[in-house]
Amino acid sequence: MVSSVSLHSLHFGSSADFSILALIAFVLMACSWAARTRPAVSFFRVHYYYYYYYYYYYYYCYYYYYRYYYYINSDFSLLFGFIKCSFFLVLKAQWSKTLEEAGNQKKRADMLEVELQMLRSQASTMDSSAFVAKEEVNALRLKIEELETERRRLEEENRSLEMKLEQITLQGYHDPTKTKVLHFGMNPASLAKQQRLEEHQRLKEENERLRQLVLREGGSVPERVEGAVTLQSSQEIAELKKQVESAELKNQRLKEVFSTKIQEFRKVCYKLTGYQIDMTTENQYRLTSLYAEHQEDCLIFKASRSSGAKMQLLETEFSRTVRELIELHLLQQDSIPAFLSAVTLDLFSRQTIA
């Protein structure tokens, strides 16, 4: 099997390996040659001086010639066998090294295959995360729009209530020529109003900042989705969620403040005017006097327009009992405050007489 291998197919580790093997083979052959030729030389010297032994000398010359020819052939056969064995050992070592490298390459290929599968799974996970992030961004935008609408509605309602309170405070229920109203510079009403204004201003700034943030992120979020969502986009979504929660909490607090202020406003109106005002339907208001003899005794006014510029008194069972006051103050004088004051005085006088 070794002899069939060509020299071109053999790969030695280095040129020094082959040189060492050749030197060892040469030394072994030289030692063997010297050990076999020394007796022969002595024999030739002895027989050289005895010519009468020429025949024997000739015989022994041929004898040793063929003998050493055999030994030379044996040495060369030994040398070639040694070289073949050396080639076989080198070829076996090279083959083992090749098998080891092939095993390492296979292991590396398996590791690369596992890494490729991990990258594919990560890519699919990132695609799904990108879709979820896009859905969350859209939901947050809708939530912010709803909060913005709610904020505008509450601002309109608060503005309307402030206008009504200011109208009642400045125009009704006292005679400026006879009564002088004093106001403290740091009264609770002014402080509450100032706090409301500051809260409204902060809420406006917060909503404007959120709106600008969403508009600014609107152009960059899809690009991040196409390139795979990173950890930074997740942090921005969490920040938006926190901001939405903060805005919701502020709106809830504002609703509670509005509810409290509305109740305070109703109580103040009831104490100052002597009438409890309730909104029964749209643009329709029911007034119940503090001095009403029955709970059903009430007056109902309807605003002809949403602004309330023109008020119309609707007929009720109680209104039929004050027709004289209606004709005097509403039809002739066209003054609703004077009519309400007259009704209050009439009911108060009834209770006093009773």
Protein backbone atom coordinates (compact mmCIF):
# COMPACT_ATOMS: atom_id res chain seq x y z
CA MET A 1 0.00 0.00 0.00
CA VAL A 2 2.90 2.35 0.73
CA SER A 3 4.68 1.69 -2.53
CA SER A 4 1.64 2.76 -4.54
CA VAL A 5 1.75 6.27 -3.07
CA SER A 6 3.50 8.78 -5.32
CA LEU A 7 6.04 11.23 -3.96
CA HIS A 8 3.96 14.16 -5.10
CA SER A 9 1.09 13.07 -2.84
CA LEU A 10 3.28 13.02 0.30
CA HIS A 11 3.26 16.07 2.51
CA PHE A 12 5.94 16.33 5.16
CA GLY A 13 5.69 18.55 8.17
CA SER A 14 8.97 20.31 7.14
CA SER A 15 12.15 19.74 5.13
CA ALA A 16 14.05 19.04 8.37
CA ASP A 17 11.99 15.85 9.00
CA PHE A 18 13.05 14.29 5.71
CA SER A 19 16.73 15.34 6.20
CA ILE A 20 16.87 13.66 9.62
CA LEU A 21 15.37 10.45 8.24
CA ALA A 22 17.82 10.39 5.33
CA LEU A 23 20.82 11.00 7.68
CA ILE A 24 19.74 8.14 9.98
CA ALA A 25 19.36 5.79 7.00
CA PHE A 26 22.82 6.76 5.68
CA VAL A 27 24.50 6.17 9.06
CA LEU A 28 22.88 2.75 9.42
CA MET A 29 23.97 1.73 5.91
CA ALA A 30 27.53 2.97 6.50
CA CYS A 31 27.82 1.07 9.77
CA SER A 32 26.58 -2.12 8.14
CA TRP A 33 28.95 -1.71 5.20
CA ALA A 34 31.97 -1.10 7.44
CA ALA A 35 31.19 -4.14 9.59
CA ARG A 36 31.01 -6.39 6.55
CA THR A 37 33.95 -5.12 4.50
CA ARG A 38 36.60 -5.15 7.25
CA PRO A 39 37.09 -8.95 7.29
CA ALA A 40 37.18 -9.00 3.52
CA VAL A 41 39.96 -6.41 3.34
CA SER A 42 42.05 -8.41 5.79
CA PHE A 43 41.52 -11.51 3.74
CA PHE A 44 42.62 -9.76 0.53
CA ARG A 45 45.77 -8.53 2.20
CA VAL A 46 46.72 -12.01 3.45
CA HIS A 47 46.14 -13.71 0.15
CA TYR A 48 47.86 -11.01 -1.79
CA TYR A 49 51.34 -12.25 -0.67
CA TYR A 50 50.69 -15.91 -1.43
CA TYR A 51 50.50 -16.35 -5.13
CA TYR A 52 50.38 -20.08 -4.93
CA TYR A 53 47.01 -19.71 -3.48
CA TYR A 54 45.88 -17.84 -6.57
CA TYR A 55 43.17 -20.29 -7.35
CA TYR A 56 41.72 -20.03 -3.90
CA TYR A 57 42.16 -16.30 -4.08
CA TYR A 58 40.19 -16.13 -7.33
CA TYR A 59 37.53 -18.35 -5.83
CA TYR A 60 37.22 -16.32 -2.69
CA CYS A 61 37.14 -13.09 -4.68
CA TYR A 62 34.12 -14.30 -6.53
CA TYR A 63 32.69 -15.65 -3.35
CA TYR A 64 33.01 -12.38 -1.52
CA TYR A 65 31.94 -10.43 -4.58
CA TYR A 66 28.63 -12.24 -4.74
CA ARG A 67 28.39 -12.20 -0.95
CA TYR A 68 28.88 -8.47 -0.67
CA TYR A 69 26.69 -7.91 -3.70
CA TYR A 70 23.96 -9.67 -1.75
CA TYR A 71 24.72 -7.63 1.33
CA ILE A 72 24.71 -4.40 -0.69
CA ASN A 73 21.38 -5.30 -2.18
CA SER A 74 20.15 -6.15 1.30
CA ASP A 75 21.35 -2.78 2.62
CA PHE A 76 19.65 -0.93 -0.16
CA SER A 77 16.51 -2.96 0.39
CA LEU A 78 16.73 -2.12 4.08
CA LEU A 79 17.22 1.55 3.24
CA PHE A 80 14.29 1.59 0.84
CA GLY A 81 12.13 -0.24 3.38
CA PHE A 82 13.13 2.24 6.06
CA ILE A 83 12.34 5.13 3.73
CA LYS A 84 8.98 3.56 2.83
CA CYS A 85 8.18 3.08 6.51
CA SER A 86 9.18 6.67 7.19
CA PHE A 87 6.95 7.84 4.37
CA PHE A 88 4.13 5.74 5.75
CA LEU A 89 4.55 7.18 9.25
CA VAL A 90 4.70 10.73 7.90
CA LEU A 91 1.67 10.06 5.71
CA LYS A 92 -0.20 8.59 8.70
CA ALA A 93 0.66 11.60 10.85
CA GLN A 94 -0.41 13.95 8.08
CA TRP A 95 -3.63 11.98 7.63
CA SER A 96 -4.36 12.16 11.38
CA LYS A 97 -3.69 15.88 11.32
CA THR A 98 -6.01 16.27 8.32
CA LEU A 99 -8.74 14.28 10.07
CA GLU A 100 -8.33 16.42 13.19
CA GLU A 101 -8.55 19.62 11.13
CA ALA A 102 -11.61 18.24 9.35
CA GLY A 103 -13.21 17.49 12.73
CA ASN A 104 -12.45 21.03 13.91
CA GLN A 105 -13.90 22.48 10.73
CA LYS A 106 -17.05 20.39 11.20
CA LYS A 107 -17.40 21.60 14.79
CA ARG A 108 -16.94 25.18 13.61
CA ALA A 109 -19.55 24.62 10.88
CA ASP A 110 -22.00 23.26 13.49
CA MET A 111 -21.35 26.30 15.72
CA LEU A 112 -21.93 28.64 12.78
CA GLU A 113 -25.16 26.81 11.95
CA VAL A 114 -26.38 27.20 15.55
CA GLU A 115 -25.44 30.88 15.51
CA LEU A 116 -27.30 31.33 12.21
CA GLN A 117 -30.43 29.75 13.70
CA MET A 118 -30.16 32.09 16.73
CA LEU A 119 -29.83 35.11 14.45
CA ARG A 120 -32.87 34.02 12.45
CA SER A 121 -34.93 33.58 15.63
CA GLN A 122 -33.78 36.99 16.87
CA ALA A 123 -34.72 38.56 13.55
CA SER A 124 -38.23 37.08 13.71
CA THR A 125 -38.58 38.23 17.34
CA MET A 126 -37.48 41.75 16.39
CA ASP A 127 -40.03 41.83 13.55
CA SER A 128 -42.85 40.89 15.93
CA SER A 129 -41.59 43.42 18.51
CA ALA A 130 -41.55 46.10 15.82
CA PHE A 131 -45.18 45.37 14.93
CA VAL A 132 -46.21 45.46 18.61
CA ALA A 133 -44.33 48.73 19.13
CA LYS A 134 -46.10 50.30 16.15
CA GLU A 135 -49.48 49.25 17.52
CA GLU A 136 -48.61 50.69 20.94
CA VAL A 137 -47.55 53.99 19.39
CA ASN A 138 -50.84 54.25 17.49
CA ALA A 139 -52.80 53.45 20.65
CA LEU A 140 -50.87 56.11 22.57
CA ARG A 141 -51.58 58.67 19.87
CA LEU A 142 -55.31 57.96 20.05
CA LYS A 143 -55.19 58.18 23.84
CA ILE A 144 -53.44 61.54 23.68
CA GLU A 145 -56.03 62.84 21.20
CA GLU A 146 -58.83 61.74 23.54
CA LEU A 147 -57.14 63.46 26.48
CA GLU A 148 -56.68 66.58 24.39
CA THR A 149 -60.41 66.63 23.56
CA GLU A 150 -61.33 66.04 27.19
CA ARG A 151 -59.00 68.83 28.28
CA ARG A 152 -60.60 71.29 25.83
CA ARG A 153 -64.09 70.34 27.00
CA LEU A 154 -63.13 70.84 30.63
CA GLU A 155 -61.56 74.17 29.83
CA GLU A 156 -64.74 75.33 28.11
CA GLU A 157 -66.85 74.18 31.04
CA ASN A 158 -64.54 75.85 33.53
CA ARG A 159 -64.54 79.06 31.50
CA SER A 160 -68.33 79.06 31.42
CA LEU A 161 -68.55 78.53 35.16
CA GLU A 162 -66.03 81.27 35.80
CA MET A 163 -68.04 83.67 33.65
CA LYS A 164 -71.24 82.83 35.52
CA LEU A 165 -69.56 83.19 38.89
CA GLU A 166 -68.03 86.48 37.87
CA GLN A 167 -71.41 87.73 36.60
CA ILE A 168 -73.09 86.79 39.86
CA THR A 169 -70.32 88.33 41.92
CA LEU A 170 -70.05 91.59 40.01
CA GLN A 171 -73.57 92.33 38.76
CA GLY A 172 -76.12 90.70 40.98
CA TYR A 173 -77.64 90.72 44.38
CA HIS A 174 -76.38 94.04 45.81
CA ASP A 175 -76.91 97.76 45.17
CA PRO A 176 -73.59 99.42 44.32
CA THR A 177 -74.94 102.86 45.28
CA LYS A 178 -75.84 101.74 48.80
CA THR A 179 -73.60 98.79 49.45
CA LYS A 180 -69.86 98.77 49.21
CA VAL A 181 -68.30 95.36 48.79
CA LEU A 182 -64.81 94.89 50.18
CA HIS A 183 -62.51 92.13 48.90
CA PHE A 184 -59.41 90.83 50.63
CA GLY A 185 -56.34 90.74 48.47
CA MET A 186 -55.57 87.12 49.57
CA ASN A 187 -59.09 85.79 49.93
CA PRO A 188 -59.76 82.04 49.43
CA ALA A 189 -61.66 82.60 46.19
CA SER A 190 -58.73 84.47 44.61
CA LEU A 191 -56.27 81.85 45.81
CA ALA A 192 -58.42 79.03 44.43
CA LYS A 193 -58.77 80.85 41.12
CA GLN A 194 -55.03 81.44 40.94
CA GLN A 195 -54.35 77.78 41.67
CA ARG A 196 -56.81 76.75 38.95
CA LEU A 197 -55.13 79.03 36.45
CA GLU A 198 -51.71 77.66 37.32
CA GLU A 199 -53.00 74.08 37.06
CA HIS A 200 -54.55 74.86 33.66
CA GLN A 201 -51.32 76.41 32.46
CA ARG A 202 -49.27 73.40 33.54
CA LEU A 203 -51.74 71.06 31.90
CA LYS A 204 -51.58 73.04 28.65
CA GLU A 205 -47.79 72.95 28.64
CA GLU A 206 -47.76 69.21 29.39
CA ASN A 207 -50.23 68.43 26.62
CA GLU A 208 -48.35 70.62 24.16
CA ARG A 209 -45.09 68.88 25.01
CA LEU A 210 -46.71 65.46 24.55
CA ARG A 211 -48.21 66.51 21.23
CA GLN A 212 -44.86 67.80 19.98
CA LEU A 213 -43.17 64.61 21.16
CA VAL A 214 -45.64 62.41 19.29
CA LEU A 215 -45.39 64.54 16.14
CA ARG A 216 -41.61 64.45 16.30
CA GLU A 217 -41.54 60.70 16.81
CA GLY A 218 -44.10 60.16 14.07
CA GLY A 219 -41.47 60.37 11.31
CA SER A 220 -38.77 58.35 13.04
CA VAL A 221 -40.74 55.43 14.48
CA PRO A 222 -41.52 53.71 11.11
CA GLU A 223 -37.86 53.97 10.10
CA ARG A 224 -36.82 52.29 13.32
CA VAL A 225 -39.42 49.61 12.71
CA GLU A 226 -37.96 48.84 9.26
CA GLY A 227 -34.44 48.54 10.65
CA ALA A 228 -35.53 46.48 13.72
CA VAL A 229 -36.65 47.98 16.95
CA THR A 230 -33.86 48.65 19.41
CA LEU A 231 -33.85 49.04 23.18
CA GLN A 232 -34.10 52.80 22.81
CA SER A 233 -37.52 52.63 21.06
CA SER A 234 -38.85 50.48 23.94
CA GLN A 235 -37.67 53.09 26.44
CA GLU A 236 -39.42 55.84 24.47
CA ILE A 237 -42.66 53.84 24.49
CA ALA A 238 -42.38 53.35 28.25
CA GLU A 239 -41.76 57.09 28.65
CA LEU A 240 -44.85 57.86 26.55
CA LYS A 241 -46.91 55.52 28.71
CA LYS A 242 -45.71 57.26 31.85
CA GLN A 243 -46.55 60.64 30.34
CA VAL A 244 -50.03 59.45 29.36
CA GLU A 245 -50.60 58.11 32.87
CA SER A 246 -49.42 61.42 34.30
CA ALA A 247 -51.77 63.33 31.99
CA GLU A 248 -54.67 61.06 32.97
CA LEU A 249 -53.89 61.61 36.64
CA LYS A 250 -53.82 65.37 36.12
CA ASN A 251 -57.12 65.25 34.23
CA GLN A 252 -58.63 63.21 37.06
CA ARG A 253 -57.41 65.74 39.58
CA LEU A 254 -58.80 68.55 37.42
CA LYS A 255 -62.18 66.80 37.28
CA GLU A 256 -62.19 66.46 41.05
CA VAL A 257 -61.30 70.14 41.43
CA PHE A 258 -64.04 71.10 38.99
CA SER A 259 -66.56 68.95 40.83
CA THR A 260 -65.59 70.51 44.14
CA LYS A 261 -65.70 74.03 42.73
CA ILE A 262 -69.08 73.40 41.11
CA GLN A 263 -70.50 72.28 44.43
CA GLU A 264 -69.02 75.33 46.10
CA PHE A 265 -70.46 77.51 43.34
CA ARG A 266 -73.92 76.03 43.79
CA LYS A 267 -73.78 76.56 47.54
CA VAL A 268 -72.60 80.14 47.11
CA CYS A 269 -75.39 80.85 44.62
CA TYR A 270 -77.94 79.29 46.94
CA LYS A 271 -76.76 81.36 49.90
CA LEU A 272 -76.42 84.63 47.99
CA THR A 273 -79.46 84.53 45.72
CA GLY A 274 -81.78 82.31 47.74
CA TYR A 275 -82.30 80.03 44.71
CA GLN A 276 -81.04 76.55 43.99
CA ILE A 277 -80.30 76.34 40.28
CA ASP A 278 -80.51 72.95 38.53
CA MET A 279 -80.12 72.19 34.83
CA THR A 280 -82.98 69.89 33.90
CA THR A 281 -82.35 69.64 30.16
CA GLU A 282 -80.21 71.42 27.64
CA ASN A 283 -80.65 75.23 27.92
CA GLN A 284 -83.35 74.77 30.57
CA TYR A 285 -82.87 75.73 34.23
CA ARG A 286 -85.03 75.15 37.30
CA LEU A 287 -84.91 77.65 40.21
CA THR A 288 -86.14 76.58 43.64
CA SER A 289 -86.40 79.31 46.27
CA LEU A 290 -84.97 78.98 49.74
CA TYR A 291 -88.30 80.16 51.13
CA ALA A 292 -90.53 77.93 48.98
CA GLU A 293 -93.52 76.58 50.86
CA HIS A 294 -93.48 73.27 48.94
CA GLN A 295 -90.66 71.36 47.31
CA GLU A 296 -92.53 71.39 43.98
CA ASP A 297 -92.72 75.21 43.91
CA CYS A 298 -90.19 76.25 41.29
CA LEU A 299 -89.60 78.54 38.34
CA ILE A 300 -88.29 77.21 35.01
CA PHE A 301 -86.33 79.38 32.59
CA LYS A 302 -85.28 78.39 29.10
CA ALA A 303 -82.45 80.01 27.19
CA SER A 304 -83.43 80.88 23.64
CA ARG A 305 -79.79 80.42 22.54
CA SER A 306 -76.82 78.48 23.86
CA SER A 307 -75.16 81.69 24.97
CA GLY A 308 -78.10 82.44 27.33
CA ALA A 309 -78.54 86.03 26.08
CA LYS A 310 -82.34 85.71 26.12
CA MET A 311 -84.17 83.86 28.91
CA GLN A 312 -87.85 82.88 28.75
CA LEU A 313 -89.99 81.93 31.74
CA LEU A 314 -91.97 78.71 31.27
CA GLU A 315 -95.38 78.26 32.85
CA THR A 316 -95.60 76.11 35.99
CA GLU A 317 -98.09 75.69 38.82
CA PHE A 318 -96.06 78.03 40.99
CA SER A 319 -95.71 80.67 38.24
CA ARG A 320 -99.50 80.95 38.07
CA THR A 321 -99.53 82.21 41.67
CA VAL A 322 -97.22 85.15 40.88
CA ARG A 323 -98.82 86.53 37.73
CA GLU A 324 -98.81 90.09 39.09
CA LEU A 325 -95.09 90.01 39.64
CA ILE A 326 -94.58 88.54 36.17
CA GLU A 327 -96.56 91.32 34.51
CA LEU A 328 -94.77 94.02 36.50
CA HIS A 329 -91.15 92.94 36.42
CA LEU A 330 -90.93 90.77 33.31
CA LEU A 331 -93.43 92.25 30.90
CA GLN A 332 -93.15 95.92 31.86
CA GLN A 333 -89.66 96.31 33.37
CA ASP A 334 -88.04 93.35 31.53
CA SER A 335 -85.84 92.55 34.54
CA ILE A 336 -85.39 88.95 35.62
CA PRO A 337 -83.27 89.87 38.72
CA ALA A 338 -86.00 92.24 39.90
CA PHE A 339 -88.62 89.51 39.36
CA LEU A 340 -86.60 86.93 41.32
CA SER A 341 -86.00 89.41 44.13
CA ALA A 342 -89.70 90.22 44.28
CA VAL A 343 -90.58 86.52 44.44
CA THR A 344 -88.08 86.04 47.25
CA LEU A 345 -89.52 88.93 49.24
CA ASP A 346 -93.04 87.65 48.67
CA LEU A 347 -92.20 84.14 49.88
CA PHE A 348 -90.21 85.52 52.81
CA SER A 349 -93.14 87.71 53.84
CA ARG A 350 -95.48 84.74 53.68
CA GLN A 351 -93.31 82.73 56.05
CA THR A 352 -92.94 85.72 58.39
CA ILE A 353 -96.70 86.31 58.52
CA ALA A 354 -97.30 82.60 58.99
